[in-house]
């Protein structure tokens, strides 16, 4: 077990089980063949072919705007969820984008993004206390609530969250810092964007194509995070070398993508350097190219 194993774990997929979801000739997602066939039930919205799926002509640009696509796709997604073919809807929407930074052409319920293989983004925040514990920098680690539907009880970064439509990245950071860790807004505003990581991972629900904005924040001993919204069971201040040891030696202690955030931090702070035999592969793997 070593750092590179986490990167390989997060980038396991086989596109032979999927067909692309195109809008105006551009790939916006990847859908499993079985779910693609289910979309034949909605010919007024989806055009389903053996090699690809797309929106029906009436919805294709330029005769439809993002609002129309959102409404039509949303109706299908709601029926698929009701039929148990995709996860239960969450009422939070992500932008349908071709790639990170491109303009959205529709919104889709967060629960359906993986089923449709939509690129989605979020952020993870490293909370660091300089020389904070056991003669080393300290890193605040969250433990996910034991009743969470995903990865209950796993270790997590100080704060993390997906990026819903309608919020800027900073607005999202401020919201999640308050909701997950009870962090005052003035303090949360000192969080610094430091890098972007990405991966593609085949999971039971579909294809997860995810970009993570990594942030760092310097904290002093006067601040202790507290759970607020029930997403987190508790927080613990670990010495950095212990966080590194856990990530290096344990595959499943942290929620899977949090390992990538920690590895990136170890590289940026000089704790993981060129002397490591997998250094180049690790750096390349942290920013994998999406299909």
Foldseek 3Di string as FASTA:
>chain_A
DFLVVLLVQQADDDLVQWAFEDAPRAGQFTAGPVVLVVCVVPQQFWDGDPRHIYGHPCCGPPNHAQVVNQVVVAVVVCVCCVVVNFPDFDPFWFFRARDPPGDGRYIDTPRCCQNGGGEWEKEAEWEWEQCAPPSAIKTKKFFFDQPDPPLHRAIAHQWMDTDTPPDDRLRRQLVGCCQAFVDDSVQSVQKAFDDKFWHWHQDPSHIHTYIYTYIYGYDHPVDATDGHNRGTPGMDIGGLVVVNVCLTPPCTRHDSCRSLNSVVVCDVVVVDDPVPPCVVVSVDSRHDDDD
